[in-house]
C-alpha atoms as a PDB file:
ATOM      1  CA  MET A   1      44.418 -69.198  33.795  1.00  0.00           C
ATOM      2  CA  LYS A   2      45.360 -65.942  35.499  1.00  0.00           C
ATOM      3  CA  LYS A   3      47.670 -65.085  32.626  1.00  0.00           C
ATOM      4  CA  ILE A   4      44.985 -65.885  30.045  1.00  0.00           C
ATOM      5  CA  PHE A   5      42.427 -63.777  31.954  1.00  0.00           C
ATOM      6  CA  THR A   6      44.857 -60.892  32.235  1.00  0.00           C
ATOM      7  CA  VAL A   7      45.643 -61.001  28.528  1.00  0.00           C
ATOM      8  CA  LEU A   8      41.918 -61.062  27.644  1.00  0.00           C
ATOM      9  CA  MET A   9      41.179 -58.077  29.895  1.00  0.00           C
ATOM     10  CA  THR A  10      44.047 -56.138  28.384  1.00  0.00           C
ATOM     11  CA  VAL A  11      42.832 -56.823  24.855  1.00  0.00           C
ATOM     12  CA  LEU A  12      39.252 -55.888  25.794  1.00  0.00           C
ATOM     13  CA  THR A  13      40.393 -52.626  27.371  1.00  0.00           C
ATOM     14  CA  LEU A  14      42.408 -51.710  24.305  1.00  0.00           C
ATOM     15  CA  VAL A  15      39.417 -52.436  22.067  1.00  0.00           C
ATOM     16  CA  LEU A  16      37.110 -50.283  24.201  1.00  0.00           C
ATOM     17  CA  VAL A  17      39.594 -47.449  24.354  1.00  0.00           C
ATOM     18  CA  GLY A  18      40.106 -47.731  20.613  1.00  0.00           C
ATOM     19  CA  CYS A  19      36.358 -47.616  19.972  1.00  0.00           C
ATOM     20  CA  GLY A  20      35.953 -44.661  22.287  1.00  0.00           C
ATOM     21  CA  THR A  21      38.717 -42.778  20.527  1.00  0.00           C
ATOM     22  CA  THR A  22      37.224 -43.545  17.142  1.00  0.00           C
ATOM     23  CA  ASN A  23      33.757 -42.353  18.200  1.00  0.00           C
ATOM     24  CA  ASN A  24      35.151 -39.118  19.605  1.00  0.00           C
ATOM     25  CA  ALA A  25      37.109 -38.501  16.451  1.00  0.00           C
ATOM     26  CA  ASP A  26      34.039 -39.212  14.346  1.00  0.00           C
ATOM     27  CA  THR A  27      31.937 -36.868  16.472  1.00  0.00           C
ATOM     28  CA  LYS A  28      34.533 -34.146  16.208  1.00  0.00           C
ATOM     29  CA  GLY A  29      34.764 -34.766  12.519  1.00  0.00           C
ATOM     30  CA  GLU A  30      30.996 -34.391  12.158  1.00  0.00           C
ATOM     31  CA  LYS A  31      31.086 -31.078  14.003  1.00  0.00           C
ATOM     32  CA  ASN A  32      33.887 -29.758  11.880  1.00  0.00           C
ATOM     33  CA  THR A  33      32.245 -30.731   8.612  1.00  0.00           C
ATOM     34  CA  GLU A  34      28.788 -29.307   9.464  1.00  0.00           C
ATOM     35  CA  THR A  35      27.805 -26.766   6.784  1.00  0.00           C
ATOM     36  CA  PRO A  36      27.224 -23.287   8.234  1.00  0.00           C
ATOM     37  CA  LYS A  37      23.775 -21.811   7.600  1.00  0.00           C
ATOM     38  CA  THR A  38      23.582 -19.234   4.871  1.00  0.00           C
ATOM     39  CA  GLU A  39      22.182 -15.787   5.573  1.00  0.00           C
ATOM     40  CA  VAL A  40      19.025 -16.692   3.630  1.00  0.00           C
ATOM     41  CA  GLU A  41      18.552 -19.897   5.667  1.00  0.00           C
ATOM     42  CA  SER A  42      19.106 -18.064   8.938  1.00  0.00           C
ATOM     43  CA  LYS A  43      16.600 -15.386   7.933  1.00  0.00           C
ATOM     44  CA  ALA A  44      14.074 -18.036   6.886  1.00  0.00           C
ATOM     45  CA  GLU A  45      14.491 -19.793  10.229  1.00  0.00           C
ATOM     46  CA  ALA A  46      14.019 -16.510  12.080  1.00  0.00           C
ATOM     47  CA  ASN A  47      10.880 -15.764  10.057  1.00  0.00           C
ATOM     48  CA  LYS A  48       9.301 -19.000  11.293  1.00  0.00           C
ATOM     49  CA  SER A  49       9.171 -17.550  14.794  1.00  0.00           C
ATOM     50  CA  GLN A  50       7.956 -14.109  13.682  1.00  0.00           C
ATOM     51  CA  GLU A  51       4.350 -12.980  13.762  1.00  0.00           C
ATOM     52  CA  THR A  52       3.044 -12.036  10.318  1.00  0.00           C
ATOM     53  CA  ILE A  53       1.557  -8.685   9.358  1.00  0.00           C
ATOM     54  CA  LYS A  54      -0.442  -9.176   6.169  1.00  0.00           C
ATOM     55  CA  ILE A  55      -1.367  -6.055   4.193  1.00  0.00           C
ATOM     56  CA  ALA A  56      -3.433  -5.728   1.005  1.00  0.00           C
ATOM     57  CA  SER A  57      -2.442  -3.179  -1.626  1.00  0.00           C
ATOM     58  CA  HIS A  58      -2.412  -3.044  -5.401  1.00  0.00           C
ATOM     59  CA  THR A  59       0.002  -0.534  -6.857  1.00  0.00           C
ATOM     60  CA  ASN A  60       2.947   1.749  -6.270  1.00  0.00           C
ATOM     61  CA  PRO A  61       3.920   3.913  -4.488  1.00  0.00           C
ATOM     62  CA  MET A  62       2.006   2.111  -1.721  1.00  0.00           C
ATOM     63  CA  ILE A  63       3.798  -1.200  -2.216  1.00  0.00           C
ATOM     64  CA  ASP A  64       7.182   0.538  -2.399  1.00  0.00           C
ATOM     65  CA  MET A  65       6.490   2.224   0.945  1.00  0.00           C
ATOM     66  CA  LEU A  66       5.537  -1.053   2.586  1.00  0.00           C
ATOM     67  CA  LYS A  67       8.717  -2.718   1.345  1.00  0.00           C
ATOM     68  CA  LEU A  68      10.680   0.234   2.704  1.00  0.00           C
ATOM     69  CA  ILE A  69       9.757  -0.687   6.288  1.00  0.00           C
ATOM     70  CA  GLU A  70      10.025  -4.468   5.863  1.00  0.00           C
ATOM     71  CA  ASP A  71      13.415  -4.774   7.584  1.00  0.00           C
ATOM     72  CA  ASP A  72      12.314  -2.551  10.465  1.00  0.00           C
ATOM     73  CA  LEU A  73       9.256  -4.717  10.999  1.00  0.00           C
ATOM     74  CA  SER A  74      11.481  -7.796  10.952  1.00  0.00           C
ATOM     75  CA  LYS A  75      13.740  -6.321  13.632  1.00  0.00           C
ATOM     76  CA  ALA A  76      10.643  -5.719  15.737  1.00  0.00           C
ATOM     77  CA  GLY A  77       9.658  -9.385  15.358  1.00  0.00           C
ATOM     78  CA  TYR A  78       7.141  -9.132  12.526  1.00  0.00           C
ATOM     79  CA  LYS A  79       7.208 -10.652   9.062  1.00  0.00           C
ATOM     80  CA  LEU A  80       5.632  -8.475   6.355  1.00  0.00           C
ATOM     81  CA  GLU A  81       3.420 -10.193   3.804  1.00  0.00           C
ATOM     82  CA  ILE A  82       1.905  -8.089   1.014  1.00  0.00           C
ATOM     83  CA  MET A  83      -1.238  -9.296  -0.736  1.00  0.00           C
ATOM     84  CA  GLU A  84      -1.349  -7.622  -4.144  1.00  0.00           C
ATOM     85  CA  VAL A  85      -4.958  -7.290  -5.278  1.00  0.00           C
ATOM     86  CA  SER A  86      -6.390  -6.297  -8.637  1.00  0.00           C
ATOM     87  CA  ASP A  87      -8.880  -3.661  -7.515  1.00  0.00           C
ATOM     88  CA  ASN A  88      -9.900  -1.426  -4.627  1.00  0.00           C
ATOM     89  CA  VAL A  89     -12.966  -3.377  -3.532  1.00  0.00           C
ATOM     90  CA  GLN A  90     -11.005  -6.632  -3.238  1.00  0.00           C
ATOM     91  CA  ALA A  91      -8.608  -5.016  -0.767  1.00  0.00           C
ATOM     92  CA  ASN A  92     -11.485  -3.988   1.498  1.00  0.00           C
ATOM     93  CA  VAL A  93     -13.232  -7.352   1.212  1.00  0.00           C
ATOM     94  CA  ALA A  94      -9.997  -9.072   2.273  1.00  0.00           C
ATOM     95  CA  LEU A  95      -9.687  -6.774   5.290  1.00  0.00           C
ATOM     96  CA  GLN A  96     -13.315  -7.175   6.304  1.00  0.00           C
ATOM     97  CA  ASN A  97     -13.046 -10.977   6.032  1.00  0.00           C
ATOM     98  CA  LYS A  98      -9.854 -10.993   8.146  1.00  0.00           C
ATOM     99  CA  GLU A  99      -7.757 -12.362   5.304  1.00  0.00           C
ATOM    100  CA  VAL A 100      -5.374  -9.471   5.972  1.00  0.00           C
ATOM    101  CA  ASP A 101      -4.560  -7.303   8.980  1.00  0.00           C
ATOM    102  CA  ALA A 102      -4.649  -3.990   7.120  1.00  0.00           C
ATOM    103  CA  ASN A 103      -4.758  -2.424   3.686  1.00  0.00           C
ATOM    104  CA  PHE A 104      -3.068   0.584   2.147  1.00  0.00           C
ATOM    105  CA  PHE A 105      -4.604   2.238  -0.915  1.00  0.00           C
ATOM    106  CA  GLN A 106      -7.616   4.396  -0.049  1.00  0.00           C
ATOM    107  CA  HIS A 107      -8.766   7.640   1.502  1.00  0.00           C
ATOM    108  CA  GLU A 108     -11.234   7.771   4.375  1.00  0.00           C
ATOM    109  CA  PRO A 109     -14.353   8.789   2.382  1.00  0.00           C
ATOM    110  CA  PHE A 110     -13.899   5.753   0.110  1.00  0.00           C
ATOM    111  CA  MET A 111     -13.516   3.531   3.179  1.00  0.00           C
ATOM    112  CA  GLN A 112     -16.635   4.963   4.833  1.00  0.00           C
ATOM    113  CA  GLN A 113     -18.583   4.433   1.623  1.00  0.00           C
ATOM    114  CA  TYR A 114     -17.520   0.771   1.682  1.00  0.00           C
ATOM    115  CA  ASN A 115     -18.497   0.463   5.360  1.00  0.00           C
ATOM    116  CA  LYS A 116     -22.011   1.760   4.676  1.00  0.00           C
ATOM    117  CA  GLY A 117     -22.575  -0.498   1.712  1.00  0.00           C
ATOM    118  CA  ASN A 118     -21.158  -3.658   3.274  1.00  0.00           C
ATOM    119  CA  ASN A 119     -21.923  -3.384   6.993  1.00  0.00           C
ATOM    120  CA  ALA A 120     -18.181  -3.295   7.643  1.00  0.00           C
ATOM    121  CA  ASN A 121     -16.153  -1.809  10.495  1.00  0.00           C
ATOM    122  CA  LEU A 122     -12.995  -0.657   8.724  1.00  0.00           C
ATOM    123  CA  VAL A 123     -11.176   2.226  10.409  1.00  0.00           C
ATOM    124  CA  LYS A 124      -8.373   4.618   9.585  1.00  0.00           C
ATOM    125  CA  LEU A 125      -5.141   3.532  11.277  1.00  0.00           C
ATOM    126  CA  THR A 126      -3.128   6.511  10.046  1.00  0.00           C
ATOM    127  CA  PRO A 127      -3.033   8.938   7.119  1.00  0.00           C
ATOM    128  CA  VAL A 128       0.212   8.667   5.133  1.00  0.00           C
ATOM    129  CA  TYR A 129       0.212  10.964   2.109  1.00  0.00           C
ATOM    130  CA  ASN A 130      -1.966  13.278   0.045  1.00  0.00           C
ATOM    131  CA  ALA A 131      -2.020  12.504  -3.673  1.00  0.00           C
ATOM    132  CA  LEU A 132      -2.068  15.578  -5.912  1.00  0.00           C
ATOM    133  CA  VAL A 133      -5.129  15.016  -8.087  1.00  0.00           C
ATOM    134  CA  ALA A 134      -5.740  17.047 -11.225  1.00  0.00           C
ATOM    135  CA  PHE A 135      -7.601  17.289 -14.516  1.00  0.00           C
ATOM    136  CA  TYR A 136      -5.619  16.573 -17.696  1.00  0.00           C
ATOM    137  CA  SER A 137      -6.185  17.056 -21.410  1.00  0.00           C
ATOM    138  CA  LYS A 138      -4.403  15.648 -24.445  1.00  0.00           C
ATOM    139  CA  ASP A 139      -5.770  18.402 -26.704  1.00  0.00           C
ATOM    140  CA  TYR A 140      -5.832  21.607 -24.668  1.00  0.00           C
ATOM    141  CA  LYS A 141      -3.270  23.548 -22.653  1.00  0.00           C
ATOM    142  CA  LYS A 142      -5.650  25.853 -20.759  1.00  0.00           C
ATOM    143  CA  LEU A 143      -9.130  25.493 -19.286  1.00  0.00           C
ATOM    144  CA  GLU A 144     -10.239  28.511 -21.306  1.00  0.00           C
ATOM    145  CA  GLU A 145      -9.628  26.529 -24.505  1.00  0.00           C
ATOM    146  CA  LEU A 146     -12.249  23.899 -23.661  1.00  0.00           C
ATOM    147  CA  PRO A 147     -15.008  24.027 -26.284  1.00  0.00           C
ATOM    148  CA  GLU A 148     -18.752  24.021 -25.779  1.00  0.00           C
ATOM    149  CA  LYS A 149     -19.983  20.527 -24.854  1.00  0.00           C
ATOM    150  CA  ALA A 150     -16.469  19.302 -24.082  1.00  0.00           C
ATOM    151  CA  VAL A 151     -16.409  15.729 -22.771  1.00  0.00           C
ATOM    152  CA  VAL A 152     -15.204  15.533 -19.170  1.00  0.00           C
ATOM    153  CA  ALA A 153     -14.298  12.189 -17.551  1.00  0.00           C
ATOM    154  CA  ILE A 154     -14.670  11.735 -13.794  1.00  0.00           C
ATOM    155  CA  PRO A 155     -14.639   8.651 -11.501  1.00  0.00           C
ATOM    156  CA  ASN A 156     -17.915   6.774 -11.026  1.00  0.00           C
ATOM    157  CA  ASP A 157     -17.560   5.906  -7.334  1.00  0.00           C
ATOM    158  CA  PRO A 158     -19.377   8.420  -5.091  1.00  0.00           C
ATOM    159  CA  THR A 159     -16.406   9.727  -3.090  1.00  0.00           C
ATOM    160  CA  ASN A 160     -13.991  10.280  -5.968  1.00  0.00           C
ATOM    161  CA  LYS A 161     -16.829  11.612  -8.111  1.00  0.00           C
ATOM    162  CA  ALA A 162     -17.544  14.218  -5.430  1.00  0.00           C
ATOM    163  CA  ARG A 163     -13.861  15.107  -5.279  1.00  0.00           C
ATOM    164  CA  ALA A 164     -13.744  15.639  -9.048  1.00  0.00           C
ATOM    165  CA  LEU A 165     -16.930  17.732  -9.081  1.00  0.00           C
ATOM    166  CA  ARG A 166     -15.643  19.906  -6.245  1.00  0.00           C
ATOM    167  CA  LEU A 167     -12.474  20.504  -8.264  1.00  0.00           C
ATOM    168  CA  LEU A 168     -14.466  21.439 -11.378  1.00  0.00           C
ATOM    169  CA  ALA A 169     -16.404  23.920  -9.248  1.00  0.00           C
ATOM    170  CA  LYS A 170     -13.177  25.313  -7.828  1.00  0.00           C
ATOM    171  CA  GLY A 171     -11.955  25.869 -11.392  1.00  0.00           C
ATOM    172  CA  GLY A 172     -15.117  27.778 -12.267  1.00  0.00           C
ATOM    173  CA  LEU A 173     -16.330  25.248 -14.834  1.00  0.00           C
ATOM    174  CA  ILE A 174     -19.502  24.379 -12.914  1.00  0.00           C
ATOM    175  CA  GLU A 175     -21.407  25.491  -9.834  1.00  0.00           C
ATOM    176  CA  LEU A 176     -22.710  23.127  -7.150  1.00  0.00           C
ATOM    177  CA  LYS A 177     -25.601  23.318  -4.727  1.00  0.00           C
ATOM    178  CA  ASP A 178     -23.091  22.858  -1.899  1.00  0.00           C
ATOM    179  CA  PRO A 179     -19.461  23.142  -3.092  1.00  0.00           C
ATOM    180  CA  ASN A 180     -18.178  22.124   0.356  1.00  0.00           C
ATOM    181  CA  SER A 181     -20.067  18.839   0.500  1.00  0.00           C
ATOM    182  CA  TYR A 182     -18.201  15.541   0.179  1.00  0.00           C
ATOM    183  CA  GLU A 183     -21.352  13.861  -1.125  1.00  0.00           C
ATOM    184  CA  VAL A 184     -22.186  15.952  -4.191  1.00  0.00           C
ATOM    185  CA  ASP A 185     -23.307  14.242  -7.379  1.00  0.00           C
ATOM    186  CA  ILE A 186     -23.905  15.312 -10.972  1.00  0.00           C
ATOM    187  CA  LYS A 187     -27.525  16.096 -10.094  1.00  0.00           C
ATOM    188  CA  ASP A 188     -26.207  18.754  -7.674  1.00  0.00           C
ATOM    189  CA  ILE A 189     -24.747  20.873 -10.507  1.00  0.00           C
ATOM    190  CA  THR A 190     -26.647  24.173 -10.570  1.00  0.00           C
ATOM    191  CA  LYS A 191     -24.729  25.848 -13.394  1.00  0.00           C
ATOM    192  CA  ASN A 192     -22.831  24.405 -16.362  1.00  0.00           C
ATOM    193  CA  SER A 193     -22.181  27.358 -18.655  1.00  0.00           C
ATOM    194  CA  LYS A 194     -20.209  25.366 -21.256  1.00  0.00           C
ATOM    195  CA  ASN A 195     -22.677  22.485 -21.227  1.00  0.00           C
ATOM    196  CA  LEU A 196     -19.863  20.095 -20.341  1.00  0.00           C
ATOM    197  CA  GLN A 197     -20.694  16.471 -21.098  1.00  0.00           C
ATOM    198  CA  ILE A 198     -19.673  14.810 -17.846  1.00  0.00           C
ATOM    199  CA  LYS A 199     -19.077  11.071 -18.208  1.00  0.00           C
ATOM    200  CA  GLU A 200     -18.407   8.601 -15.401  1.00  0.00           C
ATOM    201  CA  TRP A 201     -15.603   6.030 -15.615  1.00  0.00           C
ATOM    202  CA  GLY A 202     -14.192   3.399 -13.304  1.00  0.00           C
ATOM    203  CA  LEU A 203     -11.254   4.822 -11.366  1.00  0.00           C
ATOM    204  CA  LEU A 204      -8.836   2.291 -12.847  1.00  0.00           C
ATOM    205  CA  ASN A 205     -10.027   3.081 -16.390  1.00  0.00           C
ATOM    206  CA  LEU A 206      -9.351   6.821 -16.325  1.00  0.00           C
ATOM    207  CA  ASN A 207      -6.167   6.439 -18.390  1.00  0.00           C
ATOM    208  CA  GLU A 208      -8.338   5.032 -21.160  1.00  0.00           C
ATOM    209  CA  ALA A 209     -10.788   7.891 -20.619  1.00  0.00           C
ATOM    210  CA  TYR A 210      -7.936  10.353 -21.124  1.00  0.00           C
ATOM    211  CA  GLN A 211      -7.603   9.168 -24.722  1.00  0.00           C
ATOM    212  CA  GLU A 212     -11.319   9.604 -25.406  1.00  0.00           C
ATOM    213  CA  SER A 213     -12.145  12.810 -23.506  1.00  0.00           C
ATOM    214  CA  ASP A 214     -11.367  16.512 -23.620  1.00  0.00           C
ATOM    215  CA  LEU A 215     -10.687  16.722 -19.887  1.00  0.00           C
ATOM    216  CA  THR A 216      -9.999  13.871 -17.457  1.00  0.00           C
ATOM    217  CA  PHE A 217      -9.668  13.664 -13.678  1.00  0.00           C
ATOM    218  CA  ASN A 218      -6.949  11.339 -12.399  1.00  0.00           C
ATOM    219  CA  TYR A 219      -4.568  10.408  -9.618  1.00  0.00           C
ATOM    220  CA  PRO A 220      -0.781  10.703 -10.068  1.00  0.00           C
ATOM    221  CA  THR A 221      -0.410   6.992  -9.302  1.00  0.00           C
ATOM    222  CA  TYR A 222      -2.314   6.098 -12.482  1.00  0.00           C
ATOM    223  CA  ILE A 223      -1.623   9.017 -14.827  1.00  0.00           C
ATOM    224  CA  GLU A 224       2.129   8.486 -14.381  1.00  0.00           C
ATOM    225  CA  ALA A 225       1.823   5.500 -16.720  1.00  0.00           C
ATOM    226  CA  LEU A 226       1.064   8.012 -19.483  1.00  0.00           C
ATOM    227  CA  GLY A 227       4.135  10.061 -18.628  1.00  0.00           C
ATOM    228  CA  LEU A 228       2.113  12.882 -17.054  1.00  0.00           C
ATOM    229  CA  LYS A 229       2.716  14.737 -13.788  1.00  0.00           C
ATOM    230  CA  PRO A 230       0.161  16.853 -11.913  1.00  0.00           C
ATOM    231  CA  GLU A 231       2.260  19.955 -11.305  1.00  0.00           C
ATOM    232  CA  VAL A 232       3.604  19.916 -14.871  1.00  0.00           C
ATOM    233  CA  ASP A 233       0.725  18.663 -17.010  1.00  0.00           C
ATOM    234  CA  GLY A 234      -2.384  19.259 -14.916  1.00  0.00           C
ATOM    235  CA  LEU A 235      -4.757  21.940 -16.250  1.00  0.00           C
ATOM    236  CA  LEU A 236      -6.668  22.107 -12.977  1.00  0.00           C
ATOM    237  CA  LEU A 237      -4.998  21.064  -9.711  1.00  0.00           C
ATOM    238  CA  GLU A 238      -6.579  20.576  -6.325  1.00  0.00           C
ATOM    239  CA  GLY A 239      -3.826  22.755  -4.878  1.00  0.00           C
ATOM    240  CA  GLU A 240      -3.690  22.618  -1.103  1.00  0.00           C
ATOM    241  CA  SER A 241      -4.455  18.987  -0.349  1.00  0.00           C
ATOM    242  CA  ASP A 242      -7.603  18.168   1.576  1.00  0.00           C
ATOM    243  CA  GLN A 243      -6.615  16.027   4.570  1.00  0.00           C
ATOM    244  CA  VAL A 244      -9.909  14.178   4.256  1.00  0.00           C
ATOM    245  CA  PHE A 245      -8.598  12.568   1.073  1.00  0.00           C
ATOM    246  CA  ALA A 246      -5.228  11.484   2.481  1.00  0.00           C
ATOM    247  CA  ILE A 247      -4.248   7.943   1.475  1.00  0.00           C
ATOM    248  CA  THR A 248      -4.394   5.904   4.661  1.00  0.00           C
ATOM    249  CA  VAL A 249      -3.478   2.603   6.208  1.00  0.00           C
ATOM    250  CA  ALA A 250      -6.805   1.026   7.166  1.00  0.00           C
ATOM    251  CA  ALA A 251      -7.486  -1.637   9.769  1.00  0.00           C
ATOM    252  CA  ARG A 252     -10.546  -3.046  11.545  1.00  0.00           C
ATOM    253  CA  GLU A 253     -12.152  -1.873  14.750  1.00  0.00           C
ATOM    254  CA  ASP A 254     -11.227  -5.201  16.374  1.00  0.00           C
ATOM    255  CA  ASN A 255      -7.493  -5.067  15.576  1.00  0.00           C
ATOM    256  CA  LYS A 256      -6.570  -1.375  15.289  1.00  0.00           C
ATOM    257  CA  ASP A 257      -5.073  -1.269  18.803  1.00  0.00           C
ATOM    258  CA  SER A 258      -3.076  -4.499  18.496  1.00  0.00           C
ATOM    259  CA  GLU A 259       0.632  -4.311  19.220  1.00  0.00           C
ATOM    260  CA  LYS A 260       1.644  -5.245  15.693  1.00  0.00           C
ATOM    261  CA  LEU A 261      -0.593  -2.663  14.037  1.00  0.00           C
ATOM    262  CA  GLN A 262       0.595   0.040  16.392  1.00  0.00           C
ATOM    263  CA  LYS A 263       4.132  -0.852  15.298  1.00  0.00           C
ATOM    264  CA  LEU A 264       3.016  -0.627  11.674  1.00  0.00           C
ATOM    265  CA  LYS A 265       1.507   2.798  12.372  1.00  0.00           C
ATOM    266  CA  GLU A 266       4.728   3.969  14.001  1.00  0.00           C
ATOM    267  CA  LEU A 267       6.848   2.941  11.016  1.00  0.00           C
ATOM    268  CA  MET A 268       4.414   4.251   8.395  1.00  0.00           C
ATOM    269  CA  THR A 269       4.655   7.694   9.981  1.00  0.00           C
ATOM    270  CA  GLY A 270       8.401   7.543  10.511  1.00  0.00           C
ATOM    271  CA  GLU A 271      11.344   9.329   8.960  1.00  0.00           C
ATOM    272  CA  LYS A 272      11.904   6.721   6.205  1.00  0.00           C
ATOM    273  CA  ILE A 273       8.408   7.193   4.817  1.00  0.00           C
ATOM    274  CA  LYS A 274       8.551  10.969   5.157  1.00  0.00           C
ATOM    275  CA  LYS A 275      11.826  11.078   3.235  1.00  0.00           C
ATOM    276  CA  PHE A 276      10.423   8.783   0.539  1.00  0.00           C
ATOM    277  CA  ILE A 277       7.385  11.038   0.024  1.00  0.00           C
ATOM    278  CA  ASP A 278       9.427  14.241   0.054  1.00  0.00           C
ATOM    279  CA  GLU A 279      12.066  12.943  -2.350  1.00  0.00           C
ATOM    280  CA  LYS A 280      10.568  10.167  -4.485  1.00  0.00           C
ATOM    281  CA  LEU A 281       7.034  11.563  -4.743  1.00  0.00           C
ATOM    282  CA  LYS A 282       7.917  15.215  -5.104  1.00  0.00           C
ATOM    283  CA  GLY A 283       5.344  16.818  -7.372  1.00  0.00           C
ATOM    284  CA  HIS A 284       3.025  13.822  -6.920  1.00  0.00           C
ATOM    285  CA  ALA A 285       2.188  13.795  -3.228  1.00  0.00           C
ATOM    286  CA  ARG A 286       2.658  15.479   0.127  1.00  0.00           C
ATOM    287  CA  VAL A 287       3.169  14.063   3.624  1.00  0.00           C
ATOM    288  CA  ALA A 288      -0.121  13.736   5.518  1.00  0.00           C
ATOM    289  CA  PHE A 289       1.140  12.953   9.024  1.00  0.00           C
END
């Protein structure tokens, strides 16, 4: 019996050792055959743990600038998400309703106008650049060539309308009750020697207005689609940019001091953005910070 017992124990031990060896080999084999994560998968996994910064914007160069700092935000622990909207009002509605953390498309007077009309608390986080606005004409090369009763297209929103009227006054085409006011309207014109027919258009429709008018106000962001540049094709330029009209990153009163928005502010006023404006937007815009 002892011999039988000894033989059985020996066999059992060999089986257990054999199983153990097989399991270890299998485990090692599994480790060796595990597929390494790709760079995209690793980045996606890292993004899961990052806090999101969601920003509304609707056109270039704003979107290009945001993408320029995307990697820097990621290194700081934030994932950039850009909500591309179809118009200016939508971007402010999204910010007011907390659908986004910030937006990037407007100047402060436009933002304040929205605040007043919508009981909102949007605030300027930082100015970024000054767009070089101008008046353009498809038919005339000089202001002096404008005929009597020439049709002039300007924006219909109060703040951009005031900006256009101030520029017309600066060019000597009209006179205003208060040429330094940011709230002037057509009714504030005190002299219009050429009897200019001033027509109001939606800001995003000014390219269409250019085709139908003798003189049209526009931003470089939009007029570029027609192959025009302010310092080359503009008949009447604003010249030294008014800081009040700087394109800004806007936030809300309740989140402007948050850590992530302060990081956004830091990067949007950093060397990368400055270089982009100086080099890529030369003749279109100037640094505003």
